[in-house]
Protein backbone atom coordinates (compact mmCIF):
# COMPACT_ATOMS: atom_id res chain seq x y z
CA MET A 1 74.19 91.92 116.18
CA GLY A 2 71.89 90.72 113.08
CA THR A 3 72.29 88.05 110.70
CA ILE A 4 75.85 87.36 109.46
CA ARG A 5 76.50 85.86 106.13
CA ILE A 6 79.82 85.30 104.45
CA ILE A 7 80.11 85.03 100.56
CA ASP A 8 82.63 84.74 98.19
CA VAL A 9 83.33 87.38 95.28
CA THR A 10 82.53 85.22 92.29
CA ASP A 11 80.60 87.44 89.64
CA GLU A 12 79.50 91.23 89.07
CA PRO A 13 76.43 91.18 91.68
CA THR A 14 78.90 90.05 94.33
CA PHE A 15 81.65 92.30 93.32
CA ARG A 16 79.07 95.07 93.72
CA LEU A 17 78.73 94.18 97.38
CA ILE A 18 82.11 95.09 98.49
CA PRO A 19 82.06 98.06 101.12
CA PRO A 20 83.47 101.17 100.81
CA CYS A 21 87.13 101.95 102.08
CA ALA A 22 86.85 104.44 105.52
CA ASP A 23 89.25 106.58 103.57
CA PRO A 24 87.11 107.76 100.40
CA ALA A 25 90.39 108.31 98.68
CA PHE A 26 90.68 104.73 98.28
CA ASP A 27 88.54 102.00 96.82
CA HIS A 28 88.85 98.05 97.33
CA ARG A 29 87.25 97.79 93.88
CA SER A 30 89.79 99.38 91.97
CA CYS A 31 93.08 98.77 93.97
CA ASP A 32 95.71 96.72 92.25
CA TYR A 33 98.56 97.69 94.82
CA TRP A 34 99.28 93.98 95.83
CA GLU A 35 99.03 92.66 92.32
CA GLU A 36 101.60 94.87 91.18
CA ALA A 37 105.33 94.84 92.68
CA GLU A 38 105.91 98.71 92.14
CA ARG A 39 103.06 100.67 90.56
CA GLY A 40 100.11 99.30 92.32
CA SER A 41 97.65 101.92 93.78
CA LYS A 42 94.75 101.61 96.58
CA ALA A 43 93.51 104.98 94.71
CA ALA A 44 89.57 105.15 93.95
CA ARG A 45 89.38 105.04 90.08
CA PRO A 46 85.79 105.47 89.04
CA SER A 47 86.49 104.04 85.43
CA TRP A 48 87.58 100.59 86.90
CA LEU A 49 84.15 100.13 88.06
CA GLU A 50 82.60 99.48 84.67
CA ALA A 51 83.22 96.86 82.22
CA PRO A 52 85.23 98.29 79.09
CA ALA A 53 83.27 98.84 75.93
CA GLY A 54 84.19 96.39 73.16
CA GLY A 55 87.23 94.39 74.72
CA PRO A 56 89.10 92.79 77.57
CA ALA A 57 89.03 94.31 80.69
CA GLY A 58 92.55 95.04 80.88
CA ARG A 59 95.53 97.51 79.77
CA GLY A 60 95.18 98.05 76.22
CA SER A 61 93.19 95.62 73.47
CA GLY A 62 95.79 93.00 73.37
CA SER A 63 96.70 92.54 77.28
CA ALA A 64 96.52 88.88 78.72
CA ILE A 65 94.06 89.10 81.25
CA ALA A 66 95.01 85.78 83.01
CA ASN A 67 97.87 87.27 83.75
CA PRO A 68 98.09 91.03 83.41
CA PHE A 69 101.47 91.56 84.05
CA ALA A 70 102.99 88.94 81.81
CA PRO A 71 104.82 90.36 78.51
CA VAL A 72 102.49 89.88 75.33
CA ALA A 73 103.01 86.67 73.60
CA ARG A 74 104.69 86.52 70.20
CA PRO A 75 103.18 84.53 67.60
CA SER A 76 105.27 81.47 66.98
CA GLY A 77 105.98 79.71 63.81
CA PRO A 78 105.62 75.85 62.83
CA ASN A 79 107.55 73.46 64.97
CA PRO A 80 109.39 71.13 62.54
CA PHE A 81 109.95 68.62 65.23
CA VAL A 82 106.42 68.16 66.13
CA ASP A 83 104.12 65.59 64.38
CA GLU A 84 101.00 68.02 63.90
CA ALA A 85 98.69 65.22 63.17
CA ALA A 86 99.54 63.29 66.14
CA SER A 87 99.47 66.30 68.60
CA LEU A 88 95.77 66.87 67.12
CA ALA A 89 94.53 63.37 67.90
CA PRO A 90 92.93 62.93 71.09
CA THR A 91 94.59 61.02 73.76
CA ASP A 92 92.40 58.20 75.69
CA ASN A 93 93.78 57.74 78.95
CA PRO A 94 91.27 56.14 81.21
CA PHE A 95 93.10 56.39 84.19
CA ALA A 96 93.36 60.15 84.11
CA PRO A 97 91.01 62.18 86.38
CA GLN A 98 88.18 63.63 84.08
CA ARG A 99 87.97 66.87 85.58
CA ALA A 100 87.18 70.22 83.81
CA VAL A 101 88.91 73.12 84.75
CA GLU A 102 86.95 76.60 84.56
CA ARG A 103 88.80 79.43 82.75
CA PRO A 104 88.88 82.75 84.03
CA ARG A 105 86.53 85.35 82.54
CA ARG A 106 88.41 88.02 80.58
CA GLU A 107 85.98 90.04 78.91
CA GLY A 108 83.24 92.27 79.81
CA LEU A 109 84.03 92.75 83.37
CA PRO A 110 85.47 95.59 85.33
CA ARG A 111 89.09 95.41 85.60
CA LYS A 112 89.38 94.45 89.51
CA LEU A 113 86.93 91.92 89.09
CA VAL A 114 89.32 90.07 86.24
CA LEU A 115 91.98 90.24 88.63
CA LEU A 116 90.05 88.68 91.48
CA ASP A 117 88.54 85.88 89.05
CA ARG A 118 92.06 84.72 87.85
CA GLY A 119 92.17 81.82 90.23
CA ARG A 120 88.86 80.47 88.80
CA GLY A 121 89.10 76.55 88.26
CA LEU A 122 92.48 76.28 89.87
CA PHE A 123 92.78 78.03 93.42
CA GLY A 124 89.39 79.51 93.83
CA THR A 125 87.79 82.80 94.92
CA TYR A 126 90.28 85.58 95.80
CA ALA A 127 87.79 87.65 98.04
CA LYS A 128 85.11 87.45 100.46
CA VAL A 129 82.34 89.91 101.96
CA LEU A 130 80.75 89.55 105.18
CA LEU A 131 77.21 90.81 105.49
CA GLU A 132 75.13 91.77 108.19
CA ASP A 133 71.63 91.75 107.47
CA ASP A 134 72.32 92.08 103.98
CA GLU A 135 74.78 95.11 104.34
CA ALA A 136 78.12 94.80 103.59
CA ALA A 137 80.38 95.03 106.83
CA ALA A 138 83.84 93.78 105.89
CA TYR A 139 85.96 92.85 102.90
CA CYS A 140 88.74 90.59 102.86
CA GLN A 141 91.39 89.79 99.77
CA PHE A 142 93.68 86.67 99.46
CA GLY A 143 95.10 84.16 97.45
CA PRO A 144 98.48 82.41 96.74
CA LEU A 145 101.47 84.16 96.91
CA SER A 146 102.23 83.82 93.11
CA ALA A 147 99.04 86.07 92.71
CA TYR A 148 100.46 88.86 94.48
CA PRO A 149 104.01 90.29 93.68
CA ARG A 150 104.19 93.02 95.89
CA ALA A 151 103.55 90.52 98.91
CA GLN A 152 106.50 88.41 97.45
CA ARG A 153 108.74 91.54 97.05
CA LEU A 154 108.12 92.45 100.80
CA ARG A 155 108.65 88.81 101.82
CA ASP A 156 112.16 88.77 99.90
CA LEU A 157 113.29 91.41 102.57
CA TYR A 158 113.25 88.86 105.07
CA PRO A 159 115.38 85.57 104.52
CA GLN A 160 114.15 84.22 107.91
CA LEU A 161 110.74 83.59 106.82
CA PRO A 162 110.51 79.82 105.25
CA SER A 163 110.68 79.32 101.64
CA ALA A 164 108.67 76.11 101.55
CA PRO A 165 105.83 75.49 101.74
CA LEU A 166 104.94 78.79 100.24
CA PRO A 167 102.04 80.65 102.44
CA ALA A 168 98.83 81.86 101.22
CA VAL A 169 98.60 85.71 101.93
CA ILE A 170 95.65 87.81 103.27
CA THR A 171 96.57 91.27 101.40
CA CYS A 172 93.76 93.09 102.24
CA ILE A 173 91.37 92.95 105.39
CA ALA A 174 89.11 96.00 106.35
CA SER A 175 85.49 96.97 107.83
CA SER A 176 83.25 99.70 106.53
CA ALA A 177 83.30 102.66 108.38
CA ALA A 178 80.06 102.09 109.78
CA ALA A 179 80.76 98.64 110.94
CA ARG A 180 84.25 99.56 113.07
CA GLY A 181 84.54 97.78 116.49
CA GLN A 182 82.22 95.00 115.89
CA GLY A 183 84.46 92.12 115.56
CA HIS A 184 83.34 91.82 111.80
CA ALA A 185 87.03 92.00 110.04
CA ALA A 186 88.28 89.31 112.84
CA ARG A 187 85.44 86.85 112.17
CA LEU A 188 85.94 87.19 108.37
CA ALA A 189 89.71 86.67 108.36
CA ALA A 190 89.11 83.76 110.51
CA ASP A 191 86.65 82.04 108.30
CA VAL A 192 89.33 82.83 105.25
CA CYS A 193 92.07 81.07 107.18
CA ASP A 194 89.70 77.97 107.59
CA ASP A 195 88.97 78.23 103.76
CA LEU A 196 92.74 78.42 102.89
CA ALA A 197 93.26 75.38 105.22
CA GLY A 198 90.74 73.61 103.33
CA ARG A 199 92.37 74.26 99.99
CA GLY A 200 95.49 72.53 101.10
CA PHE A 201 97.65 75.72 102.79
CA SER A 202 99.87 75.07 105.74
CA ALA A 203 100.40 78.68 106.56
CA VAL A 204 98.95 81.98 105.77
CA GLU A 205 100.74 85.33 106.25
CA ALA A 206 99.77 89.14 106.43
CA TYR A 207 101.82 92.03 106.10
CA PRO A 208 100.79 95.20 108.31
CA ASP A 209 102.03 98.68 107.35
CA LEU A 210 102.99 100.43 110.41
CA THR A 211 103.84 103.73 108.39
CA ARG A 212 100.17 104.69 107.57
CA GLY A 213 96.96 105.12 109.59
CA PRO A 214 94.46 102.59 110.04
CA ASP A 215 92.18 104.01 107.07
CA ALA A 216 94.93 104.04 104.61
CA THR A 217 96.58 100.40 105.44
CA SER A 218 95.28 97.17 104.09
CA GLY A 219 96.85 94.81 106.33
CA ALA A 220 95.43 95.97 109.57
CA SER A 221 97.49 95.93 113.16
CA PRO A 222 99.70 93.19 114.60
CA ALA A 223 97.06 92.97 117.43
CA PHE A 224 94.55 92.40 115.04
CA TRP A 225 96.18 89.50 113.73
CA GLU A 226 97.25 87.91 117.12
CA ARG A 227 93.50 87.89 118.02
CA ILE A 228 93.09 85.12 115.54
CA SER A 229 95.99 83.07 116.19
CA PHE A 230 98.59 84.71 114.03
CA ARG A 231 102.17 85.11 115.46
CA LEU A 232 104.85 87.83 114.85
CA ALA A 233 107.07 86.12 112.39
CA VAL A 234 109.20 89.13 111.44
CA ASP A 235 109.55 92.11 114.16
CA ASP A 236 109.85 95.14 112.11
CA GLU A 237 109.29 98.72 113.15
CA ARG A 238 107.57 99.75 109.74
CA PHE A 239 106.56 96.51 107.82
CA PRO A 240 106.41 93.46 110.27
CA VAL A 241 105.14 90.10 109.06
CA MET A 242 102.20 87.97 110.73
CA ARG A 243 102.27 84.41 110.15
CA ARG A 244 99.57 81.51 111.22
CA GLU A 245 100.26 77.88 110.66
CA LEU A 246 97.26 76.15 109.68
């Protein structure tokens, strides 16, 4: 085995390192399957790999990229109950933590990278790549449940799952076709679990899809997750749920 590095996807150079899917009909770099409850797709969409010219990387010129699925904000009029002069004055609180929150980037980026960057300053990165001798061998996407409406929709089918505290989720784990069978995906997923524990999560879940072949699913198999200390939380012949306490 060569030199292994695991890096966070935080900018365009690291975004370009995401390896291709084993099935060329799909593409991690243009997948919004988990970000949309109903209409998301794993399809390869080459137009998504380039930043849009002259505007935000989203759906239409006026979309809110921080939350691409939120309704367009309506302009608000003046509020007669607010003292505007007072609201504009800086409030000096010497006991408040002095922490600058880094804003998500909204313009000049490929659409998928905008989705992966939504957690900037609050959650952190939503994706990691494992490199072997500087060649991308595995990819993992993850994040808080609130970032992935399809995971929440699937979770709603199973009332036996604990509702609090809500877990982090791993929505995609995959090796490149050339790196299959070398343990890279398991190593990357285990690293992500350690990272999520460090971010304060007490559990993480994954959602295998047993209706699809291994090249078409993003959730691996129950046996894969059991190898890295997940347990079968919901036994379903099509859509089981794997869970690991952190």
